Amino acid sequence: MKPMKKINNQADYNEVMAKINSLMAKGSKGASAKDLAQIRELALLAQDYEHKRYTVEAPTTLEGMIEMKMFEMKLKQKDLAKMLEVSDTKLSLIMNGKQKPDISFLKAIYAKLKIDADFILQHA
């Protein structure tokens, strides 16, 4: 396989992924330093292609933004409730749209989840 500077299409991507898989199949004991460097180079090419090709749209609701932050922080709803110093029930009601968030809740998501204040004001 010739060295690539960029992945231009799905066929190039598939070729890179096949090469990564074949190098990875050698295992950590069978791979040389050159193999490991090549894996890293190919993985960075693949990552760049994936970031350009597969985009995730930003949340458009406050609940969606909170869910995204929970995912990023690897938090369960009960852990988030504890972090925000609210009851599990209150958080559940807000997340399900059955209760409007109050000022203390909005301050907590701003401070602890680092949700942009403009986003909060537009979606609260």
Protein backbone atom coordinates (compact mmCIF):
# COMPACT_ATOMS: atom_id res chain seq x y z
CA MET A 1 0.00 0.00 0.00
CA LYS A 2 1.39 3.38 -0.97
CA PRO A 3 1.52 6.09 1.70
CA MET A 4 -1.52 8.38 1.69
CA LYS A 5 -1.72 12.02 2.68
CA LYS A 6 -5.52 12.05 2.78
CA ILE A 7 -8.49 9.73 2.42
CA ASN A 8 -10.64 11.02 -0.42
CA ASN A 9 -13.45 8.47 -0.64
CA GLN A 10 -15.01 5.38 0.89
CA ALA A 11 -12.76 3.04 -1.13
CA ASP A 12 -9.64 4.73 0.28
CA TYR A 13 -11.14 4.54 3.76
CA ASN A 14 -11.87 0.81 3.37
CA GLU A 15 -8.31 0.22 2.16
CA VAL A 16 -6.86 2.07 5.17
CA MET A 17 -9.09 0.19 7.60
CA ALA A 18 -8.10 -3.16 6.04
CA LYS A 19 -4.42 -2.25 6.44
CA ILE A 20 -4.96 -1.23 10.06
CA ASN A 21 -6.74 -4.54 10.73
CA SER A 22 -3.93 -6.56 9.15
CA LEU A 23 -1.29 -4.72 11.19
CA MET A 24 -3.34 -5.08 14.37
CA ALA A 25 -3.71 -8.81 13.74
CA LYS A 26 0.03 -9.17 14.41
CA GLY A 27 -0.65 -8.40 18.06
CA SER A 28 1.47 -6.31 20.36
CA LYS A 29 4.31 -8.84 20.41
CA GLY A 30 4.41 -9.36 16.65
CA ALA A 31 4.20 -5.71 15.59
CA SER A 32 7.42 -3.82 15.00
CA ALA A 33 7.98 -0.18 15.88
CA LYS A 34 7.53 0.59 12.18
CA ASP A 35 4.16 -1.26 12.19
CA LEU A 36 3.00 0.68 15.24
CA ALA A 37 3.99 3.99 13.64
CA GLN A 38 2.10 3.01 10.49
CA ILE A 39 -0.98 2.07 12.51
CA ARG A 40 -0.90 5.47 14.19
CA GLU A 41 -0.50 7.30 10.87
CA LEU A 42 -3.33 5.34 9.25
CA ALA A 43 -5.58 5.78 12.27
CA LEU A 44 -5.11 9.55 12.15
CA LEU A 45 -6.00 9.56 8.45
CA ALA A 46 -9.12 7.50 9.16
CA GLN A 47 -10.08 9.74 12.08
CA ASP A 48 -9.75 12.86 9.92
CA TYR A 49 -11.96 11.31 7.23
CA GLU A 50 -14.56 10.21 9.79
CA HIS A 51 -14.74 13.66 11.37
CA LYS A 52 -15.40 15.24 7.98
CA ARG A 53 -17.83 12.60 6.78
CA TYR A 54 -19.80 11.75 9.91
CA THR A 55 -21.02 14.81 11.75
CA VAL A 56 -23.32 14.81 14.73
CA GLU A 57 -25.76 17.68 14.83
CA ALA A 58 -25.77 19.81 17.96
CA PRO A 59 -28.77 19.38 20.25
CA THR A 60 -31.62 21.81 19.70
CA THR A 61 -33.32 21.42 23.08
CA LEU A 62 -32.14 21.95 26.63
CA GLU A 63 -32.95 18.33 27.41
CA GLY A 64 -30.93 17.19 24.39
CA MET A 65 -27.95 19.29 25.49
CA ILE A 66 -28.14 17.85 29.00
CA GLU A 67 -28.28 14.31 27.55
CA MET A 68 -25.25 15.04 25.37
CA LYS A 69 -23.32 16.31 28.41
CA MET A 70 -24.35 13.20 30.35
CA PHE A 71 -22.99 11.05 27.53
CA GLU A 72 -19.74 13.02 27.31
CA MET A 73 -19.24 12.84 31.07
CA LYS A 74 -20.38 9.20 31.25
CA LEU A 75 -23.03 10.04 33.83
CA LYS A 76 -26.22 8.20 34.64
CA GLN A 77 -29.29 10.28 35.41
CA LYS A 78 -29.04 9.58 39.16
CA ASP A 79 -25.38 10.68 39.15
CA LEU A 80 -26.30 13.86 37.30
CA ALA A 81 -29.07 14.60 39.82
CA LYS A 82 -26.55 14.27 42.62
CA MET A 83 -24.05 16.50 40.81
CA LEU A 84 -26.70 19.17 40.21
CA GLU A 85 -28.00 18.81 43.77
CA VAL A 86 -31.57 18.05 42.70
CA SER A 87 -33.75 15.03 43.36
CA ASP A 88 -33.91 12.18 40.86
CA THR A 89 -37.61 12.91 40.49
CA LYS A 90 -37.11 16.60 39.68
CA LEU A 91 -34.45 15.82 37.09
CA SER A 92 -36.66 13.15 35.54
CA LEU A 93 -39.61 15.54 35.31
CA ILE A 94 -37.46 18.22 33.66
CA MET A 95 -35.86 15.77 31.24
CA ASN A 96 -39.29 14.45 30.22
CA GLY A 97 -40.71 17.95 29.71
CA LYS A 98 -43.22 17.62 32.55
CA GLN A 99 -41.67 20.38 34.66
CA LYS A 100 -40.00 23.63 33.66
CA PRO A 101 -36.48 24.10 35.04
CA ASP A 102 -36.15 26.69 37.78
CA ILE A 103 -33.37 29.27 38.16
CA SER A 104 -31.32 27.15 40.56
CA PHE A 105 -31.41 24.23 38.11
CA LEU A 106 -30.37 26.47 35.21
CA LYS A 107 -27.51 27.91 37.28
CA ALA A 108 -26.38 24.38 38.15
CA ILE A 109 -26.30 23.16 34.53
CA TYR A 110 -24.41 26.30 33.55
CA ALA A 111 -21.82 25.89 36.32
CA LYS A 112 -21.45 22.12 36.46
CA LEU A 113 -22.16 21.00 32.89
CA LYS A 114 -20.62 24.10 31.26
CA ILE A 115 -23.65 24.62 29.02
CA ASP A 116 -23.43 27.96 27.26
CA ALA A 117 -25.55 30.66 28.91
CA ASP A 118 -26.94 31.84 25.56
CA PHE A 119 -28.10 28.31 24.78
CA ILE A 120 -29.78 28.06 28.17
CA LEU A 121 -31.55 31.41 27.74
CA GLN A 122 -32.77 30.48 24.27
CA HIS A 123 -34.04 27.04 25.24
CA ALA A 124 -35.23 27.30 28.84
